[in-house]
Amino acid sequence: MSEVSGRTALLRATVVIVANGGLRALTYRAVAAEAGVSHGLVRHHFGTRDQLIADAMDFAIDESLRGTNMLNGGSSPADFAAGIESLADREGDIQAFQYELLLEARRRPELRAHAERHYRAYRDAILQQLRRLGVERAEEEGLADLIWFALDAIVFKQLVVPGDVGPALARIRALVEAAARP
């Protein structure tokens, strides 16, 4: 197993452990068992549990956004809306991991920076796409917040009680299309 693929396997294992059992379930042994390696390898790659958490959060955000077209330039309003829709359907473990960390950050102030990174990364991705689409500067900040807050709620709802979110996503799509310069 290469250094990069081994590290990635450990990050994926961390996501699965936290998504299914919360941060309290996160141990080197649990991550190692999930990844099929020795627990010493987890310590070797990350050093501390806090570093493992930080790296796993960065990994989860990057994987989640990379799986959409929200980071790509030159998209149309329809493409951007499709990226938003695909984020709502992304891998449940990645999304659950992020929510677990966000909730734990409420109880543990030392995790607050991870929560801030989470919100900043998604909001910035949305804001950048709105700018690429030519949304008026005066509108882009508020629209980015509105889209992010709605999307965050949709993703959370889909994790807890999956259902049809098509009408809400269609409304977000219409807002983006209306705000984009022709």
Protein backbone atom coordinates (compact mmCIF):
# COMPACT_ATOMS: atom_id res chain seq x y z
CA MET A 1 0.00 0.00 0.00
CA SER A 2 1.50 3.36 -1.00
CA GLU A 3 1.92 6.22 1.48
CA VAL A 4 -0.87 8.25 -0.18
CA SER A 5 -3.34 5.39 -0.59
CA GLY A 6 -2.61 4.21 2.97
CA ARG A 7 -3.27 7.67 4.34
CA THR A 8 -6.44 7.97 2.26
CA ALA A 9 -7.64 4.58 3.51
CA LEU A 10 -7.11 5.76 7.09
CA LEU A 11 -9.00 8.99 6.43
CA ARG A 12 -11.87 7.07 4.85
CA ALA A 13 -11.89 4.72 7.83
CA THR A 14 -12.00 7.70 10.19
CA VAL A 15 -14.99 9.10 8.33
CA VAL A 16 -16.83 5.77 8.60
CA ILE A 17 -16.07 5.36 12.32
CA VAL A 18 -17.23 8.88 13.22
CA ALA A 19 -20.25 8.76 10.89
CA ASN A 20 -21.47 5.58 12.57
CA GLY A 21 -20.44 6.11 16.17
CA GLY A 22 -19.61 9.77 16.68
CA LEU A 23 -16.29 11.16 17.85
CA ARG A 24 -16.47 9.08 21.02
CA ALA A 25 -16.02 5.95 18.89
CA LEU A 26 -12.87 7.32 17.26
CA THR A 27 -9.80 5.43 18.43
CA TYR A 28 -6.61 4.41 16.66
CA ARG A 29 -7.66 0.79 17.02
CA ALA A 30 -11.12 1.42 15.50
CA VAL A 31 -9.62 3.27 12.54
CA ALA A 32 -6.98 0.60 12.05
CA ALA A 33 -9.56 -2.18 12.18
CA GLU A 34 -11.79 -0.39 9.66
CA ALA A 35 -8.81 0.19 7.34
CA GLY A 36 -7.37 -3.28 7.89
CA VAL A 37 -3.99 -2.10 9.21
CA SER A 38 -2.15 -2.00 12.53
CA HIS A 39 -3.06 0.80 14.94
CA GLY A 40 0.58 1.93 14.98
CA LEU A 41 0.17 2.98 11.35
CA VAL A 42 -2.57 5.42 12.34
CA ARG A 43 -0.29 7.05 14.90
CA HIS A 44 2.55 7.09 12.35
CA HIS A 45 0.49 8.99 9.77
CA PHE A 46 -1.26 11.45 12.07
CA GLY A 47 0.59 11.61 15.39
CA THR A 48 -2.35 12.77 17.47
CA ARG A 49 -6.07 12.15 17.52
CA ASP A 50 -6.62 15.90 16.99
CA GLN A 51 -4.50 15.82 13.83
CA LEU A 52 -6.44 12.78 12.61
CA ILE A 53 -9.70 14.68 13.15
CA ALA A 54 -8.39 17.80 11.41
CA ASP A 55 -7.10 15.86 8.41
CA ALA A 56 -10.29 13.81 8.19
CA MET A 57 -12.40 16.98 8.15
CA ASP A 58 -10.29 18.46 5.35
CA PHE A 59 -10.55 15.15 3.49
CA ALA A 60 -14.35 15.02 3.94
CA ILE A 61 -14.85 18.59 2.72
CA ASP A 62 -12.58 18.07 -0.28
CA GLU A 63 -14.18 14.73 -1.20
CA SER A 64 -17.66 16.16 -0.87
CA LEU A 65 -16.99 19.23 -3.00
CA ARG A 66 -14.86 17.33 -5.53
CA GLY A 67 -17.77 14.96 -6.12
CA THR A 68 -19.83 17.86 -7.41
CA ASN A 69 -19.13 20.34 -10.19
CA MET A 70 -19.17 23.20 -7.69
CA LEU A 71 -15.39 23.63 -7.87
CA ASN A 72 -15.17 23.70 -11.66
CA GLY A 73 -15.10 26.98 -13.54
CA GLY A 74 -17.18 27.99 -16.52
CA SER A 75 -20.39 26.25 -15.62
CA SER A 76 -23.86 27.42 -16.57
CA PRO A 77 -26.59 28.11 -14.02
CA ALA A 78 -28.02 24.67 -14.82
CA ASP A 79 -24.62 23.00 -14.24
CA PHE A 80 -24.18 24.83 -10.95
CA ALA A 81 -27.67 23.82 -9.83
CA ALA A 82 -26.89 20.21 -10.76
CA GLY A 83 -23.78 20.45 -8.54
CA ILE A 84 -25.94 21.62 -5.66
CA GLU A 85 -28.34 18.75 -6.29
CA SER A 86 -25.53 16.19 -6.40
CA LEU A 87 -24.15 17.50 -3.10
CA ALA A 88 -27.53 16.80 -1.52
CA ASP A 89 -27.17 13.18 -2.67
CA ARG A 90 -23.47 12.71 -1.85
CA GLU A 91 -22.09 9.84 0.16
CA GLY A 92 -23.89 9.70 3.49
CA ASP A 93 -20.84 8.82 5.57
CA ILE A 94 -18.94 11.92 4.42
CA GLN A 95 -21.89 14.16 5.26
CA ALA A 96 -22.64 12.40 8.57
CA PHE A 97 -18.98 12.69 9.60
CA GLN A 98 -19.07 16.44 9.03
CA TYR A 99 -22.28 16.89 11.02
CA GLU A 100 -20.90 14.79 13.88
CA LEU A 101 -17.84 17.04 14.03
CA LEU A 102 -19.96 20.19 13.83
CA LEU A 103 -22.15 19.07 16.73
CA GLU A 104 -19.12 18.06 18.78
CA ALA A 105 -17.59 21.51 18.12
CA ARG A 106 -20.52 22.97 20.02
CA ARG A 107 -19.41 21.04 23.10
CA ARG A 108 -15.65 21.22 22.51
CA PRO A 109 -14.35 24.70 21.62
CA GLU A 110 -11.04 23.28 20.38
CA LEU A 111 -12.98 21.85 17.40
CA ARG A 112 -14.52 25.20 16.46
CA ALA A 113 -11.85 25.93 13.85
CA HIS A 114 -12.87 22.75 12.01
CA ALA A 115 -16.51 23.85 12.03
CA GLU A 116 -15.52 27.25 10.70
CA ARG A 117 -13.45 25.63 7.95
CA HIS A 118 -16.44 23.49 6.99
CA TYR A 119 -18.80 26.42 6.63
CA ARG A 120 -16.23 28.62 4.93
CA ALA A 121 -15.29 25.95 2.35
CA TYR A 122 -18.84 25.30 1.19
CA ARG A 123 -19.87 28.94 1.24
CA ASP A 124 -16.75 29.97 -0.68
CA ALA A 125 -17.36 27.28 -3.32
CA ILE A 126 -20.91 28.57 -3.81
CA LEU A 127 -19.76 32.20 -3.85
CA GLN A 128 -17.07 31.48 -6.45
CA GLN A 129 -19.59 29.78 -8.72
CA LEU A 130 -22.04 32.65 -8.39
CA ARG A 131 -19.26 35.05 -9.39
CA ARG A 132 -18.37 32.90 -12.39
CA LEU A 133 -22.01 33.00 -13.42
CA GLY A 134 -22.02 36.78 -13.31
CA VAL A 135 -24.32 37.28 -10.35
CA GLU A 136 -24.32 40.96 -9.42
CA ARG A 137 -21.86 41.77 -6.65
CA ALA A 138 -24.58 43.29 -4.47
CA GLU A 139 -26.56 40.03 -4.60
CA GLU A 140 -23.87 37.37 -4.46
CA GLU A 141 -23.12 37.37 -0.71
CA GLY A 142 -26.75 37.06 0.35
CA LEU A 143 -27.54 34.53 -2.34
CA ALA A 144 -24.49 32.44 -1.42
CA ASP A 145 -25.63 32.39 2.21
CA LEU A 146 -29.20 31.52 1.24
CA ILE A 147 -28.09 28.67 -1.01
CA TRP A 148 -25.62 27.35 1.56
CA PHE A 149 -28.09 27.50 4.46
CA ALA A 150 -30.78 25.78 2.39
CA LEU A 151 -28.38 23.17 1.07
CA ASP A 152 -27.01 22.47 4.55
CA ALA A 153 -30.54 21.89 5.82
CA ILE A 154 -31.43 19.69 2.84
CA VAL A 155 -28.34 17.50 3.28
CA PHE A 156 -28.98 17.15 7.02
CA LYS A 157 -32.63 16.27 6.42
CA GLN A 158 -31.64 13.66 3.83
CA LEU A 159 -29.31 12.03 6.36
CA VAL A 160 -31.98 11.83 9.04
CA VAL A 161 -35.25 11.43 7.14
CA PRO A 162 -34.63 10.90 3.42
CA GLY A 163 -37.38 12.10 1.13
CA ASP A 164 -38.22 14.10 -1.93
CA VAL A 165 -36.33 17.39 -1.88
CA GLY A 166 -36.92 18.02 -5.58
CA PRO A 167 -39.21 21.03 -5.10
CA ALA A 168 -36.71 22.80 -2.82
CA LEU A 169 -33.83 22.06 -5.18
CA ALA A 170 -35.89 23.29 -8.12
CA ARG A 171 -36.49 26.56 -6.30
CA ILE A 172 -32.77 26.97 -5.60
CA ARG A 173 -32.08 26.29 -9.29
CA ALA A 174 -34.61 28.96 -10.29
CA LEU A 175 -33.00 31.50 -7.94
CA VAL A 176 -29.56 30.86 -9.41
CA GLU A 177 -30.83 31.05 -12.97
CA ALA A 178 -32.68 34.30 -12.26
CA ALA A 179 -29.65 35.91 -10.59
CA ALA A 180 -27.10 34.93 -13.26
CA ARG A 181 -26.33 37.45 -15.96
CA PRO A 182 -27.39 36.24 -19.41
